[in-house]
Amino acid sequence: MTMLPEASAIKLGLVIDLDICVGCQACVVNCKEWNTSGYGAPLSDDDAYGAAPNGAWLNRVHAYEAGTGADARTVHFPKSCLHCEDAPCVTVCPTGASFKRAEDGIVLVNEDWCIGCGLCAWSCPYGAREMDPAEGVMKKCTLCVDRIYNDNLPAEDQVPACVRTCPTNARHFGDLGDPESDVSQMVAARGGFDLMPEQNTKPVNKYLPPRPRRAADDTPVSLLAMAQDATPSGFWKWVDSTLEKLG
């Protein structure tokens, strides 16, 4: 079985804001596109447009209905490998194909050593690994290791593909081992949490909870009074400033 390295000072991972994720699937699609042409063997698609499509994805977004009445909401929940500090998928691997990097904490799969036994998938409590039906090897999120260290890319592109493509800025990448990093500060400020902490896997990736809904303002609104106000505010202030610019 494979041994885990000593805990690294650098812990690269994702912070996902559940308050502003809209479930658009852009991260899923861009992840598939990048990882089909990048690290490891291409991600397969079997009968993609047929009656029984099958394939491997490194990132999926699930949608859940939460709350009742006025507090009801749809929560879009992205899920991929969490790059756990105590990763059971690594220690269960019989060939050493599944491993955790000592320098940055990223969990990867050496596809040349993977025999497709599936033990790592069984041991992962998050269902974050998928067997590629064409290659017969296990696939998982790599944190786009071939992007984040690629000096041939512009600085803004040296982040995971899912982070780069998110239209609402709900996904963030950085060093969660550094308490002064932007992602660590974000987790501290918003009460970020681990997924299923009872599993004791110490996931590096964190989630930011949805913010409480603001109380509805039932005060009657008069659009005519707002338009006639000598000092407009809100929407009418924007209309006023826009008309001034147009001359």
Protein backbone atom coordinates (compact mmCIF):
# COMPACT_ATOMS: atom_id res chain seq x y z
CA MET A 1 0.00 0.00 0.00
CA THR A 2 1.05 3.60 -0.58
CA MET A 3 2.27 5.84 2.23
CA LEU A 4 1.29 9.46 2.64
CA PRO A 5 4.08 12.04 2.78
CA GLU A 6 4.63 14.31 5.76
CA ALA A 7 2.11 17.15 5.84
CA SER A 8 3.29 19.91 3.52
CA ALA A 9 3.42 23.57 4.48
CA ILE A 10 1.87 24.45 1.11
CA LYS A 11 -1.68 23.16 0.66
CA LEU A 12 -3.01 24.10 -2.76
CA GLY A 13 -6.75 23.81 -3.11
CA LEU A 14 -10.07 25.38 -4.00
CA VAL A 15 -12.54 27.52 -2.10
CA ILE A 16 -16.06 27.32 -3.52
CA ASP A 17 -18.70 29.92 -2.68
CA LEU A 18 -22.10 28.19 -2.52
CA ASP A 19 -23.80 31.56 -2.18
CA ILE A 20 -23.03 32.68 -5.72
CA CYS A 21 -22.61 29.44 -7.69
CA VAL A 22 -25.46 29.46 -10.23
CA GLY A 23 -25.00 25.91 -11.51
CA CYS A 24 -24.18 27.02 -15.06
CA GLN A 25 -21.82 24.03 -15.57
CA ALA A 26 -19.13 26.23 -17.16
CA CYS A 27 -16.54 24.82 -14.75
CA VAL A 28 -17.57 21.27 -15.65
CA VAL A 29 -17.29 21.86 -19.38
CA ASN A 30 -13.98 23.75 -19.24
CA CYS A 31 -12.52 21.11 -16.92
CA LYS A 32 -13.47 18.41 -19.41
CA GLU A 33 -12.04 20.36 -22.33
CA TRP A 34 -8.72 21.15 -20.66
CA ASN A 35 -8.14 17.70 -19.20
CA THR A 36 -9.05 15.99 -22.44
CA SER A 37 -6.12 17.74 -24.09
CA GLY A 38 -3.74 18.02 -21.14
CA TYR A 39 -2.40 15.88 -18.29
CA GLY A 40 -2.94 12.13 -18.65
CA ALA A 41 -5.03 10.26 -21.19
CA PRO A 42 -8.03 12.04 -22.74
CA LEU A 43 -11.31 11.88 -20.84
CA SER A 44 -13.58 9.53 -22.72
CA ASP A 45 -17.13 10.03 -23.93
CA ASP A 46 -18.97 6.85 -24.89
CA ASP A 47 -22.19 7.26 -26.88
CA ALA A 48 -22.26 10.92 -25.81
CA TYR A 49 -25.40 11.74 -27.80
CA GLY A 50 -27.04 8.34 -27.64
CA ALA A 51 -29.48 6.65 -25.30
CA ALA A 52 -26.88 5.58 -22.73
CA PRO A 53 -24.10 8.17 -22.59
CA ASN A 54 -21.08 7.32 -20.46
CA GLY A 55 -17.76 8.98 -19.76
CA ALA A 56 -15.37 10.38 -17.19
CA TRP A 57 -15.70 13.80 -15.58
CA LEU A 58 -13.36 15.34 -13.02
CA ASN A 59 -15.85 17.92 -11.76
CA ARG A 60 -19.61 17.75 -11.37
CA VAL A 61 -22.19 20.22 -10.11
CA HIS A 62 -25.19 18.88 -8.18
CA ALA A 63 -28.32 20.88 -7.37
CA TYR A 64 -30.32 20.53 -4.15
CA GLU A 65 -33.48 22.11 -2.79
CA ALA A 66 -32.87 23.43 0.73
CA GLY A 67 -35.10 25.13 3.29
CA THR A 68 -38.84 25.65 3.29
CA GLY A 69 -41.24 28.51 2.73
CA ALA A 70 -39.58 31.92 2.51
CA ASP A 71 -36.22 30.31 3.27
CA ALA A 72 -36.39 27.85 0.36
CA ARG A 73 -33.56 28.02 -2.14
CA THR A 74 -31.70 25.98 -4.71
CA VAL A 75 -28.10 25.26 -3.74
CA HIS A 76 -25.71 24.37 -6.54
CA PHE A 77 -22.96 22.18 -5.11
CA PRO A 78 -19.80 21.62 -7.18
CA LYS A 79 -17.83 18.54 -6.24
CA SER A 80 -14.43 17.22 -7.26
CA CYS A 81 -11.40 15.75 -5.49
CA LEU A 82 -10.79 17.60 -2.22
CA HIS A 83 -7.06 16.75 -2.06
CA CYS A 84 -7.41 15.51 1.50
CA GLU A 85 -4.49 15.64 3.91
CA ASP A 86 -5.34 12.14 5.15
CA ALA A 87 -6.34 10.74 1.77
CA PRO A 88 -7.70 7.16 2.03
CA CYS A 89 -7.55 6.82 -1.76
CA VAL A 90 -3.75 6.99 -1.50
CA THR A 91 -3.15 4.53 1.32
CA VAL A 92 -5.46 1.90 -0.20
CA CYS A 93 -3.77 1.88 -3.61
CA PRO A 94 -1.91 -1.43 -4.14
CA THR A 95 0.46 -0.14 -6.85
CA GLY A 96 1.34 3.38 -5.70
CA ALA A 97 -0.50 4.86 -8.68
CA SER A 98 -2.52 7.09 -6.36
CA PHE A 99 -0.19 9.45 -4.53
CA LYS A 100 -0.03 12.79 -2.72
CA ARG A 101 2.68 15.26 -3.63
CA ALA A 102 4.89 16.37 -0.75
CA GLU A 103 5.64 19.80 -2.23
CA ASP A 104 2.08 21.13 -2.54
CA GLY A 105 -0.35 18.49 -1.26
CA ILE A 106 -1.99 17.75 -4.61
CA VAL A 107 -3.35 14.20 -4.96
CA LEU A 108 -2.71 12.65 -8.37
CA VAL A 109 -2.91 9.34 -10.23
CA ASN A 110 0.00 7.90 -12.20
CA GLU A 111 -2.04 6.38 -15.00
CA ASP A 112 0.86 4.20 -16.14
CA TRP A 113 0.77 2.39 -12.80
CA CYS A 114 -3.02 2.27 -12.36
CA ILE A 115 -4.49 -1.22 -12.84
CA GLY A 116 -8.11 -0.08 -12.64
CA CYS A 117 -8.90 -2.07 -9.50
CA GLY A 118 -11.22 0.66 -8.21
CA LEU A 119 -10.13 0.44 -4.57
CA CYS A 120 -9.43 4.18 -4.42
CA ALA A 121 -12.94 4.98 -5.66
CA TRP A 122 -14.45 2.68 -3.03
CA SER A 123 -12.41 4.34 -0.28
CA CYS A 124 -13.20 7.93 -1.26
CA PRO A 125 -16.16 9.09 0.86
CA TYR A 126 -16.94 11.90 -1.58
CA GLY A 127 -17.33 9.90 -4.78
CA ALA A 128 -14.69 12.11 -6.36
CA ARG A 129 -13.02 9.48 -8.56
CA GLU A 130 -14.33 8.02 -11.78
CA MET A 131 -13.18 5.05 -13.83
CA ASP A 132 -12.55 5.99 -17.43
CA PRO A 133 -14.52 3.41 -19.44
CA ALA A 134 -12.19 3.66 -22.43
CA GLU A 135 -8.79 3.76 -20.73
CA GLY A 136 -9.62 1.48 -17.79
CA VAL A 137 -7.81 3.77 -15.36
CA MET A 138 -8.99 5.99 -12.54
CA LYS A 139 -9.53 9.70 -13.20
CA LYS A 140 -9.74 12.60 -10.76
CA CYS A 141 -9.19 16.34 -10.43
CA THR A 142 -5.52 17.28 -10.78
CA LEU A 143 -5.97 20.95 -9.81
CA CYS A 144 -4.77 21.45 -13.38
CA VAL A 145 -1.19 20.79 -12.32
CA ASP A 146 -0.17 21.32 -15.94
CA ARG A 147 -1.60 24.86 -15.85
CA ILE A 148 -0.72 26.24 -12.44
CA TYR A 149 3.04 25.74 -12.91
CA ASN A 150 3.12 26.49 -16.65
CA ASP A 151 5.19 29.64 -17.15
CA ASN A 152 4.28 29.65 -20.84
CA LEU A 153 0.77 30.73 -19.86
CA PRO A 154 -0.15 34.29 -18.87
CA ALA A 155 -0.29 34.78 -15.09
CA GLU A 156 -4.09 35.02 -15.12
CA ASP A 157 -4.30 31.59 -16.75
CA GLN A 158 -2.05 29.85 -14.21
CA VAL A 159 -5.06 28.68 -12.20
CA PRO A 160 -7.28 25.61 -12.59
CA ALA A 161 -9.51 25.71 -15.67
CA CYS A 162 -12.65 25.65 -13.53
CA VAL A 163 -11.52 28.76 -11.64
CA ARG A 164 -10.55 30.61 -14.80
CA THR A 165 -13.92 30.03 -16.46
CA CYS A 166 -16.35 30.65 -13.57
CA PRO A 167 -18.56 33.60 -14.64
CA THR A 168 -19.66 34.48 -11.08
CA ASN A 169 -16.24 34.18 -9.42
CA ALA A 170 -17.58 31.43 -7.16
CA ARG A 171 -14.38 29.39 -7.39
CA HIS A 172 -11.05 30.47 -5.92
CA PHE A 173 -7.60 28.87 -5.94
CA GLY A 174 -4.66 29.31 -3.61
CA ASP A 175 -2.57 28.10 -0.73
CA LEU A 176 -4.80 27.07 2.16
CA GLY A 177 -1.71 26.26 4.22
CA ASP A 178 -0.91 29.98 4.39
CA PRO A 179 -3.23 31.73 6.87
CA GLU A 180 -2.47 35.06 5.18
CA SER A 181 -3.44 33.94 1.67
CA ASP A 182 -6.57 35.33 0.02
CA VAL A 183 -8.31 31.96 0.13
CA SER A 184 -7.51 31.40 3.82
CA GLN A 185 -8.74 34.89 4.68
CA MET A 186 -11.93 34.21 2.75
CA VAL A 187 -12.54 30.97 4.64
CA ALA A 188 -11.96 32.71 7.98
CA ALA A 189 -14.25 35.63 7.16
CA ARG A 190 -17.13 33.56 5.79
CA GLY A 191 -16.99 30.54 8.08
CA GLY A 192 -15.79 28.13 5.42
CA PHE A 193 -16.32 24.46 6.18
CA ASP A 194 -15.06 20.99 5.33
CA LEU A 195 -17.28 18.58 3.43
CA MET A 196 -18.25 15.67 5.71
CA PRO A 197 -15.72 16.43 8.48
CA GLU A 198 -16.83 13.31 10.35
CA GLN A 199 -14.83 11.26 7.83
CA ASN A 200 -11.59 12.69 9.29
CA THR A 201 -9.95 12.98 5.88
CA LYS A 202 -9.02 16.66 6.45
CA PRO A 203 -9.99 17.93 2.99
CA VAL A 204 -7.96 20.88 1.75
CA ASN A 205 -10.79 22.29 -0.37
CA LYS A 206 -13.29 24.40 1.53
CA TYR A 207 -16.86 25.54 0.94
CA LEU A 208 -18.33 28.93 1.82
CA PRO A 209 -21.94 28.63 3.06
CA PRO A 210 -24.88 30.44 1.46
CA ARG A 211 -25.52 33.78 3.14
CA PRO A 212 -28.79 34.25 5.08
CA ARG A 213 -31.56 35.77 3.04
CA ARG A 214 -32.27 39.43 3.66
CA ALA A 215 -35.68 40.26 5.11
CA ALA A 216 -38.14 41.46 2.50
CA ASP A 217 -38.95 45.18 2.52
CA ASP A 218 -42.74 45.51 2.23
CA THR A 219 -42.66 49.32 2.03
CA PRO A 220 -44.78 50.49 -0.96
CA VAL A 221 -42.67 51.82 -3.81
CA SER A 222 -43.80 54.68 -6.04
CA LEU A 223 -41.84 54.76 -9.30
CA LEU A 224 -43.38 58.14 -10.14
CA ALA A 225 -42.19 59.66 -6.86
CA MET A 226 -38.73 58.23 -7.39
CA ALA A 227 -38.58 59.68 -10.90
CA GLN A 228 -39.65 63.11 -9.67
CA ASP A 229 -37.19 63.15 -6.76
CA ALA A 230 -34.73 66.06 -7.06
CA THR A 231 -31.92 63.79 -5.86
CA PRO A 232 -32.66 60.38 -7.42
CA SER A 233 -31.14 57.22 -6.02
CA GLY A 234 -30.75 53.61 -7.06
CA PHE A 235 -32.04 52.80 -10.54
CA TRP A 236 -33.22 56.32 -11.26
CA LYS A 237 -29.83 57.74 -10.31
CA TRP A 238 -28.28 55.44 -12.89
CA VAL A 239 -30.84 56.53 -15.51
CA ASP A 240 -30.18 60.18 -14.71
CA SER A 241 -26.39 59.81 -14.96
CA THR A 242 -26.68 57.80 -18.18
CA LEU A 243 -28.89 60.44 -19.84
CA GLU A 244 -26.44 63.15 -18.80
CA LYS A 245 -23.58 61.26 -20.44
CA LEU A 246 -25.61 60.86 -23.62
CA GLY A 247 -26.10 64.63 -23.70
